[in-house]
Structure formats: structure tokens, C-alpha cells
PDB file of N, CA and C in Angstrom:
ATOM      1  N   MET A   1       0.843  -1.167   0.000  1.00  0.00           N
ATOM      2  CA  MET A   1       0.000   0.000   0.000  1.00  0.00           C
ATOM      3  C   MET A   1       0.893   1.236   0.000  1.00  0.00           C
ATOM      4  N   ILE A   2       0.463   2.246  -0.706  1.00  0.00           N
ATOM      5  CA  ILE A   2       1.151   3.527  -0.687  1.00  0.00           C
ATOM      6  C   ILE A   2       0.157   4.627  -0.339  1.00  0.00           C
ATOM      7  N   LEU A   3       0.713   5.709   0.184  1.00  0.00           N
ATOM      8  CA  LEU A   3      -0.098   6.868   0.521  1.00  0.00           C
ATOM      9  C   LEU A   3       0.519   8.076  -0.163  1.00  0.00           C
ATOM     10  N   VAL A   4      -0.267   8.766  -0.947  1.00  0.00           N
ATOM     11  CA  VAL A   4       0.173   9.968  -1.643  1.00  0.00           C
ATOM     12  C   VAL A   4      -0.431  11.157  -0.911  1.00  0.00           C
ATOM     13  N   ASP A   5       0.434  12.066  -0.459  1.00  0.00           N
ATOM     14  CA  ASP A   5      -0.063  13.226   0.284  1.00  0.00           C
ATOM     15  C   ASP A   5       0.943  14.352   0.197  1.00  0.00           C
ATOM     16  N   ASN A   6       0.458  15.561   0.381  1.00  0.00           N
ATOM     17  CA  ASN A   6       1.350  16.713   0.375  1.00  0.00           C
ATOM     18  C   ASN A   6       1.931  16.988   1.757  1.00  0.00           C
ATOM     19  N   ALA A   7       1.518  16.244   2.765  1.00  0.00           N
ATOM     20  CA  ALA A   7       2.008  16.434   4.126  1.00  0.00           C
ATOM     21  C   ALA A   7       2.673  15.160   4.621  1.00  0.00           C
ATOM     22  N   ILE A   8       3.968  15.243   4.912  1.00  0.00           N
ATOM     23  CA  ILE A   8       4.720  14.059   5.316  1.00  0.00           C
ATOM     24  C   ILE A   8       4.169  13.428   6.594  1.00  0.00           C
ATOM     25  N   TYR A   9       3.553  14.228   7.464  1.00  0.00           N
ATOM     26  CA  TYR A   9       3.029  13.656   8.693  1.00  0.00           C
ATOM     27  C   TYR A   9       1.902  12.668   8.428  1.00  0.00           C
ATOM     28  N   SER A  10       1.309  12.704   7.254  1.00  0.00           N
ATOM     29  CA  SER A  10       0.240  11.762   6.926  1.00  0.00           C
ATOM     30  C   SER A  10       0.744  10.326   6.825  1.00  0.00           C
ATOM     31  N   PHE A  11       2.000  10.189   6.458  1.00  0.00           N
ATOM     32  CA  PHE A  11       2.586   8.849   6.399  1.00  0.00           C
ATOM     33  C   PHE A  11       3.864   8.780   7.226  1.00  0.00           C
ATOM     34  N   GLY A  12       3.983   9.668   8.183  1.00  0.00           N
ATOM     35  CA  GLY A  12       5.191   9.782   8.988  1.00  0.00           C
ATOM     36  C   GLY A  12       5.580   8.537   9.748  1.00  0.00           C
ATOM     37  N   LEU A  13       4.627   7.732  10.127  1.00  0.00           N
ATOM     38  CA  LEU A  13       4.952   6.503  10.848  1.00  0.00           C
ATOM     39  C   LEU A  13       5.198   5.332   9.902  1.00  0.00           C
ATOM     40  N   GLN A  14       4.945   5.519   8.625  1.00  0.00           N
ATOM     41  CA  GLN A  14       5.239   4.515   7.591  1.00  0.00           C
ATOM     42  C   GLN A  14       5.938   5.215   6.429  1.00  0.00           C
ATOM     43  N   LEU A  15       7.111   5.733   6.703  1.00  0.00           N
ATOM     44  CA  LEU A  15       7.819   6.524   5.700  1.00  0.00           C
ATOM     45  C   LEU A  15       8.081   5.760   4.412  1.00  0.00           C
ATOM     46  N   SER A  16       8.227   4.456   4.518  1.00  0.00           N
ATOM     47  CA  SER A  16       8.507   3.644   3.328  1.00  0.00           C
ATOM     48  C   SER A  16       7.292   3.454   2.439  1.00  0.00           C
ATOM     49  N   ASN A  17       6.143   3.912   2.875  1.00  0.00           N
ATOM     50  CA  ASN A  17       4.923   3.754   2.098  1.00  0.00           C
ATOM     51  C   ASN A  17       4.378   5.074   1.559  1.00  0.00           C
ATOM     52  N   GLY A  18       5.145   6.143   1.700  1.00  0.00           N
ATOM     53  CA  GLY A  18       4.630   7.450   1.320  1.00  0.00           C
ATOM     54  C   GLY A  18       5.259   8.037   0.079  1.00  0.00           C
ATOM     55  N   ILE A  19       4.444   8.770  -0.644  1.00  0.00           N
ATOM     56  CA  ILE A  19       4.890   9.540  -1.805  1.00  0.00           C
ATOM     57  C   ILE A  19       4.450  10.981  -1.582  1.00  0.00           C
ATOM     58  N   PRO A  20       5.418  11.899  -1.504  1.00  0.00           N
ATOM     59  CA  PRO A  20       5.044  13.303  -1.334  1.00  0.00           C
ATOM     60  C   PRO A  20       4.572  13.892  -2.654  1.00  0.00           C
ATOM     61  N   ILE A  21       3.685  14.844  -2.562  1.00  0.00           N
ATOM     62  CA  ILE A  21       3.166  15.486  -3.764  1.00  0.00           C
ATOM     63  C   ILE A  21       2.924  16.961  -3.446  1.00  0.00           C
ATOM     64  N   ILE A  22       3.017  17.792  -4.440  1.00  0.00           N
ATOM     65  CA  ILE A  22       2.777  19.219  -4.260  1.00  0.00           C
ATOM     66  C   ILE A  22       1.289  19.428  -3.973  1.00  0.00           C
ATOM     67  N   PRO A  23       0.952  20.331  -3.044  1.00  0.00           N
ATOM     68  CA  PRO A  23      -0.459  20.558  -2.708  1.00  0.00           C
ATOM     69  C   PRO A  23      -1.289  20.983  -3.917  1.00  0.00           C
ATOM     70  N   PHE A  24      -2.517  20.527  -3.922  1.00  0.00           N
ATOM     71  CA  PHE A  24      -3.474  20.904  -4.956  1.00  0.00           C
ATOM     72  C   PHE A  24      -4.520  21.787  -4.313  1.00  0.00           C
ATOM     73  N   LYS A  25      -4.663  22.982  -4.819  1.00  0.00           N
ATOM     74  CA  LYS A  25      -5.661  23.919  -4.294  1.00  0.00           C
ATOM     75  C   LYS A  25      -6.390  24.557  -5.475  1.00  0.00           C
ATOM     76  N   THR A  26      -7.327  23.863  -5.994  1.00  0.00           N
ATOM     77  CA  THR A  26      -8.156  24.324  -7.119  1.00  0.00           C
ATOM     78  C   THR A  26      -7.337  24.806  -8.313  1.00  0.00           C
ATOM     79  N   ASP A  27      -6.139  24.254  -8.462  1.00  0.00           N
ATOM     80  CA  ASP A  27      -5.268  24.613  -9.583  1.00  0.00           C
ATOM     81  C   ASP A  27      -5.581  23.683 -10.751  1.00  0.00           C
ATOM     82  N   MET A  28      -6.327  24.165 -11.699  1.00  0.00           N
ATOM     83  CA  MET A  28      -6.752  23.336 -12.826  1.00  0.00           C
ATOM     84  C   MET A  28      -5.586  22.931 -13.728  1.00  0.00           C
ATOM     85  N   SER A  29      -4.447  23.579 -13.586  1.00  0.00           N
ATOM     86  CA  SER A  29      -3.284  23.206 -14.388  1.00  0.00           C
ATOM     87  C   SER A  29      -2.380  22.209 -13.665  1.00  0.00           C
ATOM     88  N   ASP A  30      -2.789  21.773 -12.491  1.00  0.00           N
ATOM     89  CA  ASP A  30      -1.998  20.823 -11.711  1.00  0.00           C
ATOM     90  C   ASP A  30      -1.783  19.533 -12.500  1.00  0.00           C
ATOM     91  N   ARG A  31      -0.538  19.080 -12.594  1.00  0.00           N
ATOM     92  CA  ARG A  31      -0.205  17.880 -13.374  1.00  0.00           C
ATOM     93  C   ARG A  31       0.530  16.844 -12.531  1.00  0.00           C
ATOM     94  N   GLU A  32       0.527  16.991 -11.219  1.00  0.00           N
ATOM     95  CA  GLU A  32       1.308  16.108 -10.359  1.00  0.00           C
ATOM     96  C   GLU A  32       0.947  14.640 -10.518  1.00  0.00           C
ATOM     97  N   PHE A  33      -0.327  14.322 -10.631  1.00  0.00           N
ATOM     98  CA  PHE A  33      -0.698  12.927 -10.778  1.00  0.00           C
ATOM     99  C   PHE A  33      -0.282  12.357 -12.132  1.00  0.00           C
ATOM    100  N   VAL A  34      -0.178  13.182 -13.129  1.00  0.00           N
ATOM    101  CA  VAL A  34       0.326  12.729 -14.429  1.00  0.00           C
ATOM    102  C   VAL A  34       1.782  12.306 -14.277  1.00  0.00           C
ATOM    103  N   PHE A  35       2.573  13.122 -13.548  1.00  0.00           N
ATOM    104  CA  PHE A  35       3.973  12.775 -13.319  1.00  0.00           C
ATOM    105  C   PHE A  35       4.087  11.543 -12.435  1.00  0.00           C
ATOM    106  N   LEU A  36       3.228  11.431 -11.466  1.00  0.00           N
ATOM    107  CA  LEU A  36       3.230  10.280 -10.571  1.00  0.00           C
ATOM    108  C   LEU A  36       2.855   9.001 -11.310  1.00  0.00           C
ATOM    109  N   LYS A  37       1.989   9.103 -12.269  1.00  0.00           N
ATOM    110  CA  LYS A  37       1.560   7.934 -13.041  1.00  0.00           C
ATOM    111  C   LYS A  37       2.755   7.221 -13.670  1.00  0.00           C
ATOM    112  N   ARG A  38       3.673   7.983 -14.219  1.00  0.00           N
ATOM    113  CA  ARG A  38       4.862   7.387 -14.849  1.00  0.00           C
ATOM    114  C   ARG A  38       5.664   6.578 -13.822  1.00  0.00           C
ATOM    115  N   PHE A  39       5.853   7.144 -12.634  1.00  0.00           N
ATOM    116  CA  PHE A  39       6.584   6.456 -11.575  1.00  0.00           C
ATOM    117  C   PHE A  39       5.879   5.154 -11.184  1.00  0.00           C
ATOM    118  N   LEU A  40       4.573   5.236 -11.001  1.00  0.00           N
ATOM    119  CA  LEU A  40       3.809   4.052 -10.594  1.00  0.00           C
ATOM    120  C   LEU A  40       3.805   2.979 -11.673  1.00  0.00           C
ATOM    121  N   LEU A  41       3.725   3.369 -12.919  1.00  0.00           N
ATOM    122  CA  LEU A  41       3.777   2.390 -14.001  1.00  0.00           C
ATOM    123  C   LEU A  41       5.128   1.685 -14.053  1.00  0.00           C
ATOM    124  N   ASP A  42       6.181   2.415 -13.728  1.00  0.00           N
ATOM    125  CA  ASP A  42       7.513   1.809 -13.725  1.00  0.00           C
ATOM    126  C   ASP A  42       7.658   0.726 -12.660  1.00  0.00           C
ATOM    127  N   CYS A  43       6.907   0.822 -11.593  1.00  0.00           N
ATOM    128  CA  CYS A  43       7.079  -0.158 -10.511  1.00  0.00           C
ATOM    129  C   CYS A  43       5.800  -0.943 -10.195  1.00  0.00           C
ATOM    130  N   HIS A  44       4.834  -0.944 -11.102  1.00  0.00           N
ATOM    131  CA  HIS A  44       3.551  -1.588 -10.795  1.00  0.00           C
ATOM    132  C   HIS A  44       3.631  -3.111 -10.687  1.00  0.00           C
ATOM    133  N   ASN A  45       4.623  -3.748 -11.272  1.00  0.00           N
ATOM    134  CA  ASN A  45       4.742  -5.209 -11.183  1.00  0.00           C
ATOM    135  C   ASN A  45       5.554  -5.675  -9.982  1.00  0.00           C
ATOM    136  N   LEU A  46       6.062  -4.774  -9.201  1.00  0.00           N
ATOM    137  CA  LEU A  46       6.872  -5.142  -8.044  1.00  0.00           C
ATOM    138  C   LEU A  46       5.982  -5.635  -6.908  1.00  0.00           C
ATOM    139  N   ASN A  47       6.489  -6.605  -6.179  1.00  0.00           N
ATOM    140  CA  ASN A  47       5.745  -7.121  -5.021  1.00  0.00           C
ATOM    141  C   ASN A  47       5.814  -6.169  -3.833  1.00  0.00           C
ATOM    142  N   ASP A  48       6.898  -5.410  -3.756  1.00  0.00           N
ATOM    143  CA  ASP A  48       7.109  -4.521  -2.615  1.00  0.00           C
ATOM    144  C   ASP A  48       7.507  -3.139  -3.129  1.00  0.00           C
ATOM    145  N   LEU A  49       6.630  -2.184  -2.987  1.00  0.00           N
ATOM    146  CA  LEU A  49       6.895  -0.831  -3.466  1.00  0.00           C
ATOM    147  C   LEU A  49       7.807  -0.035  -2.538  1.00  0.00           C
ATOM    148  N   ARG A  50       8.074  -0.563  -1.362  1.00  0.00           N
ATOM    149  CA  ARG A  50       8.885   0.198  -0.406  1.00  0.00           C
ATOM    150  C   ARG A  50      10.294   0.462  -0.922  1.00  0.00           C
ATOM    151  N   GLU A  51      10.869  -0.497  -1.632  1.00  0.00           N
ATOM    152  CA  GLU A  51      12.244  -0.304  -2.118  1.00  0.00           C
ATOM    153  C   GLU A  51      12.351   0.847  -3.129  1.00  0.00           C
ATOM    154  N   PRO A  52      11.512   0.898  -4.159  1.00  0.00           N
ATOM    155  CA  PRO A  52      11.623   2.050  -5.056  1.00  0.00           C
ATOM    156  C   PRO A  52      11.262   3.376  -4.374  1.00  0.00           C
ATOM    157  N   LEU A  53      10.366   3.338  -3.400  1.00  0.00           N
ATOM    158  CA  LEU A  53      10.033   4.557  -2.675  1.00  0.00           C
ATOM    159  C   LEU A  53      11.216   5.021  -1.825  1.00  0.00           C
ATOM    160  N   LYS A  54      11.887   4.065  -1.167  1.00  0.00           N
ATOM    161  CA  LYS A  54      13.080   4.414  -0.388  1.00  0.00           C
ATOM    162  C   LYS A  54      14.146   5.019  -1.291  1.00  0.00           C
ATOM    163  N   ALA A  55      14.356   4.390  -2.449  1.00  0.00           N
ATOM    164  CA  ALA A  55      15.385   4.863  -3.377  1.00  0.00           C
ATOM    165  C   ALA A  55      15.050   6.235  -3.960  1.00  0.00           C
ATOM    166  N   SER A  56      13.793   6.521  -4.115  1.00  0.00           N
ATOM    167  CA  SER A  56      13.385   7.787  -4.721  1.00  0.00           C
ATOM    168  C   SER A  56      13.325   8.945  -3.736  1.00  0.00           C
ATOM    169  N   PHE A  57      12.852   8.695  -2.521  1.00  0.00           N
ATOM    170  CA  PHE A  57      12.556   9.797  -1.609  1.00  0.00           C
ATOM    171  C   PHE A  57      13.464   9.882  -0.385  1.00  0.00           C
ATOM    172  N   HIS A  58      14.154   8.819  -0.016  1.00  0.00           N
ATOM    173  CA  HIS A  58      15.157   8.831   1.069  1.00  0.00           C
ATOM    174  C   HIS A  58      14.592   9.300   2.404  1.00  0.00           C
ATOM    175  N   PHE A  59      13.339   9.027   2.673  1.00  0.00           N
ATOM    176  CA  PHE A  59      12.733   9.503   3.913  1.00  0.00           C
ATOM    177  C   PHE A  59      13.386   8.939   5.161  1.00  0.00           C
ATOM    178  N   GLU A  60      13.762   7.654   5.150  1.00  0.00           N
ATOM    179  CA  GLU A  60      14.383   7.062   6.332  1.00  0.00           C
ATOM    180  C   GLU A  60      15.686   7.768   6.664  1.00  0.00           C
ATOM    181  N   GLU A  61      16.474   8.068   5.638  1.00  0.00           N
ATOM    182  CA  GLU A  61      17.733   8.780   5.854  1.00  0.00           C
ATOM    183  C   GLU A  61      17.481  10.168   6.430  1.00  0.00           C
ATOM    184  N   LEU A  62      16.527  10.878   5.867  1.00  0.00           N
ATOM    185  CA  LEU A  62      16.193  12.207   6.373  1.00  0.00           C
ATOM    186  C   LEU A  62      15.666  12.144   7.799  1.00  0.00           C
ATOM    187  N   PHE A  63      14.862  11.139   8.059  1.00  0.00           N
ATOM    188  CA  PHE A  63      14.277  10.961   9.389  1.00  0.00           C
ATOM    189  C   PHE A  63      15.379  10.823  10.428  1.00  0.00           C
ATOM    190  N   GLN A  64      16.361   9.991  10.124  1.00  0.00           N
ATOM    191  CA  GLN A  64      17.455   9.773  11.079  1.00  0.00           C
ATOM    192  C   GLN A  64      18.369  10.990  11.168  1.00  0.00           C
ATOM    193  N   ALA A  65      18.619  11.639  10.050  1.00  0.00           N
ATOM    194  CA  ALA A  65      19.539  12.771  10.041  1.00  0.00           C
ATOM    195  C   ALA A  65      18.959  14.011  10.728  1.00  0.00           C
ATOM    196  N   TYR A  66      17.661  14.237  10.572  1.00  0.00           N
ATOM    197  CA  TYR A  66      17.061  15.476  11.067  1.00  0.00           C
ATOM    198  C   TYR A  66      16.036  15.275  12.172  1.00  0.00           C
ATOM    199  N   ASN A  67      15.846  14.034  12.620  1.00  0.00           N
ATOM    200  CA  ASN A  67      14.930  13.729  13.718  1.00  0.00           C
ATOM    201  C   ASN A  67      13.524  14.271  13.477  1.00  0.00           C
ATOM    202  N   PHE A  68      12.933  13.848  12.399  1.00  0.00           N
ATOM    203  CA  PHE A  68      11.551  14.237  12.095  1.00  0.00           C
ATOM    204  C   PHE A  68      10.561  13.662  13.102  1.00  0.00           C
ATOM    205  N   SER A  69      11.004  12.701  13.907  1.00  0.00           N
ATOM    206  CA  SER A  69      10.073  12.087  14.860  1.00  0.00           C
ATOM    207  C   SER A  69       9.490  13.126  15.807  1.00  0.00           C
ATOM    208  N   GLU A  70      10.281  14.135  16.190  1.00  0.00           N
ATOM    209  CA  GLU A  70       9.758  15.181  17.064  1.00  0.00           C
ATOM    210  C   GLU A  70       8.658  15.965  16.362  1.00  0.00           C
ATOM    211  N   PHE A  71       8.867  16.249  15.085  1.00  0.00           N
ATOM    212  CA  PHE A  71       7.847  16.965  14.322  1.00  0.00           C
ATOM    213  C   PHE A  71       6.578  16.135  14.211  1.00  0.00           C
ATOM    214  N   ILE A  72       6.739  14.858  13.881  1.00  0.00           N
ATOM    215  CA  ILE A  72       5.581  13.985  13.680  1.00  0.00           C
ATOM    216  C   ILE A  72       4.809  13.809  14.977  1.00  0.00           C
ATOM    217  N   SER A  73       5.513  13.607  16.093  1.00  0.00           N
ATOM    218  CA  SER A  73       4.801  13.417  17.362  1.00  0.00           C
ATOM    219  C   SER A  73       4.205  14.728  17.873  1.00  0.00           C
ATOM    220  N   PHE A  74       4.794  15.867  17.494  1.00  0.00           N
ATOM    221  CA  PHE A  74       4.290  17.173  17.923  1.00  0.00           C
ATOM    222  C   PHE A  74       3.049  17.585  17.147  1.00  0.00           C
ATOM    223  N   TYR A  75       2.940  17.115  15.918  1.00  0.00           N
ATOM    224  CA  TYR A  75       1.856  17.519  15.034  1.00  0.00           C
ATOM    225  C   TYR A  75       0.497  17.272  15.674  1.00  0.00           C
ATOM    226  N   ASP A  76      -0.348  18.249  15.606  1.00  0.00           N
ATOM    227  CA  ASP A  76      -1.690  18.175  16.180  1.00  0.00           C
ATOM    228  C   ASP A  76      -2.706  18.183  15.038  1.00  0.00           C
ATOM    229  N   PHE A  77      -3.398  17.074  14.854  1.00  0.00           N
ATOM    230  CA  PHE A  77      -4.336  16.918  13.744  1.00  0.00           C
ATOM    231  C   PHE A  77      -5.436  17.971  13.769  1.00  0.00           C
ATOM    232  N   GLU A  78      -5.924  18.314  14.953  1.00  0.00           N
ATOM    233  CA  GLU A  78      -6.992  19.309  15.046  1.00  0.00           C
ATOM    234  C   GLU A  78      -6.519  20.673  14.553  1.00  0.00           C
ATOM    235  N   ASP A  79      -5.277  21.034  14.856  1.00  0.00           N
ATOM    236  CA  ASP A  79      -4.745  22.298  14.355  1.00  0.00           C
ATOM    237  C   ASP A  79      -4.692  22.299  12.835  1.00  0.00           C
ATOM    238  N   CYS A  80      -4.310  21.173  12.251  1.00  0.00           N
ATOM    239  CA  CYS A  80      -4.241  21.074  10.795  1.00  0.00           C
ATOM    240  C   CYS A  80      -5.628  21.214  10.183  1.00  0.00           C
ATOM    241  N   GLU A  81      -6.606  20.564  10.762  1.00  0.00           N
ATOM    242  CA  GLU A  81      -7.972  20.685  10.257  1.00  0.00           C
ATOM    243  C   GLU A  81      -8.442  22.129  10.309  1.00  0.00           C
ATOM    244  N   LEU A  82      -8.110  22.823  11.378  1.00  0.00           N
ATOM    245  CA  LEU A  82      -8.487  24.228  11.517  1.00  0.00           C
ATOM    246  C   LEU A  82      -7.817  25.061  10.426  1.00  0.00           C
ATOM    247  N   GLU A  83      -6.542  24.827  10.175  1.00  0.00           N
ATOM    248  CA  GLU A  83      -5.832  25.558   9.126  1.00  0.00           C
ATOM    249  C   GLU A  83      -6.425  25.252   7.757  1.00  0.00           C
ATOM    250  N   GLN A  84      -6.774  23.998   7.523  1.00  0.00           N
ATOM    251  CA  GLN A  84      -7.374  23.624   6.243  1.00  0.00           C
ATOM    252  C   GLN A  84      -8.720  24.328   6.076  1.00  0.00           C
ATOM    253  N   PHE A  85      -9.506  24.388   7.125  1.00  0.00           N
ATOM    254  CA  PHE A  85     -10.790  25.088   7.075  1.00  0.00           C
ATOM    255  C   PHE A  85     -10.576  26.568   6.745  1.00  0.00           C
ATOM    256  N   LYS A  86      -9.563  27.193   7.362  1.00  0.00           N
ATOM    257  CA  LYS A  86      -9.258  28.602   7.078  1.00  0.00           C
ATOM    258  C   LYS A  86      -8.877  28.787   5.612  1.00  0.00           C
ATOM    259  N   ASP A  87      -8.071  27.853   5.091  1.00  0.00           N
ATOM    260  CA  ASP A  87      -7.679  27.918   3.677  1.00  0.00           C
ATOM    261  C   ASP A  87      -8.894  27.835   2.765  1.00  0.00           C
ATOM    262  N   GLU A  88      -9.782  26.896   3.052  1.00  0.00           N
ATOM    263  CA  GLU A  88     -10.971  26.717   2.229  1.00  0.00           C
ATOM    264  C   GLU A  88     -11.886  27.935   2.317  1.00  0.00           C
ATOM    265  N   GLU A  89     -12.018  28.476   3.511  1.00  0.00           N
ATOM    266  CA  GLU A  89     -12.839  29.672   3.702  1.00  0.00           C
ATOM    267  C   GLU A  89     -12.256  30.851   2.917  1.00  0.00           C
ATOM    268  N   PHE A  90     -10.940  31.003   2.962  1.00  0.00           N
ATOM    269  CA  PHE A  90     -10.263  32.069   2.218  1.00  0.00           C
ATOM    270  C   PHE A  90     -10.495  31.899   0.716  1.00  0.00           C
ATOM    271  N   GLU A  91     -10.355  30.682   0.228  1.00  0.00           N
ATOM    272  CA  GLU A  91     -10.570  30.426  -1.201  1.00  0.00           C
ATOM    273  C   GLU A  91     -11.991  30.761  -1.624  1.00  0.00           C
ATOM    274  N   LEU A  92     -12.962  30.432  -0.805  1.00  0.00           N
ATOM    275  CA  LEU A  92     -14.350  30.754  -1.131  1.00  0.00           C
ATOM    276  C   LEU A  92     -14.551  32.266  -1.194  1.00  0.00           C
ATOM    277  N   LEU A  93     -13.951  32.989  -0.269  1.00  0.00           N
ATOM    278  CA  LEU A  93     -14.058  34.439  -0.288  1.00  0.00           C
ATOM    279  C   LEU A  93     -13.417  35.018  -1.551  1.00  0.00           C
ATOM    280  N   GLN A  94     -12.316  34.445  -1.986  1.00  0.00           N
ATOM    281  CA  GLN A  94     -11.639  34.914  -3.198  1.00  0.00           C
ATOM    282  C   GLN A  94     -12.510  34.664  -4.434  1.00  0.00           C
ATOM    283  N   LEU A  95     -13.190  33.540  -4.452  1.00  0.00           N
ATOM    284  CA  LEU A  95     -14.048  33.220  -5.589  1.00  0.00           C
ATOM    285  C   LEU A  95     -15.255  34.140  -5.658  1.00  0.00           C
ATOM    286  N   GLU A  96     -15.732  34.587  -4.511  1.00  0.00           N
ATOM    287  CA  GLU A  96     -16.890  35.477  -4.459  1.00  0.00           C
ATOM    288  C   GLU A  96     -16.560  36.878  -4.954  1.00  0.00           C
ATOM    289  N   LYS A  97     -15.289  37.259  -4.905  1.00  0.00           N
ATOM    290  CA  LYS A  97     -14.886  38.628  -5.299  1.00  0.00           C
ATOM    291  C   LYS A  97     -14.929  38.838  -6.765  1.00  0.00           C
TER     292      LYS A  97
END
């Protein structure tokens, strides 16, 4: 299983299963999934996707080098939801203008 997200904390406890992606915010020109498709097609026959993900993103190395565990354990999901709500509210106000 893999998890594609723009926030590393979403897969922070399973770094070998995550693919980071640039945030999508109503950007109709966003092509990130098109680029991701090529990567996934290259490794779709593999039994274990963790190895190509490790080789591509180096999250375990970064985790050990920079101690992301403090960030991941500090992260508060409710705060993130509140920020996301503020972003969505701001976008709606911009569309109304």
C-alpha cells in the first residue's frame, strides 16, 4: 500500500509507504498525478513498493539525520484541520470577489 499526500506527517509513521506530492488547491493546471503515473507504471509489477520509494525519496535517511520524529509526534491533527478550514474559507471568499 502507498499513501500519496502533500504532508509528510500523513505517512510519517510509515515513511517507506509514502509519496510526497505538491499541494493541490483548485489549480486546474496541476499535473502532479500525471507525473506520478509514470513512476507508478515503472514499478507496478513489483511485489514490494517500499524499495523504489526508499530509493526515490530517502525519507528514512532524512528521518534519522534530522529527527523528524519530534515533528511527527508534535503535530496536532486538530490544528491542521483548523488551518485547512481557514484555507478553504479564504478560497471561497476569493471566488466570491
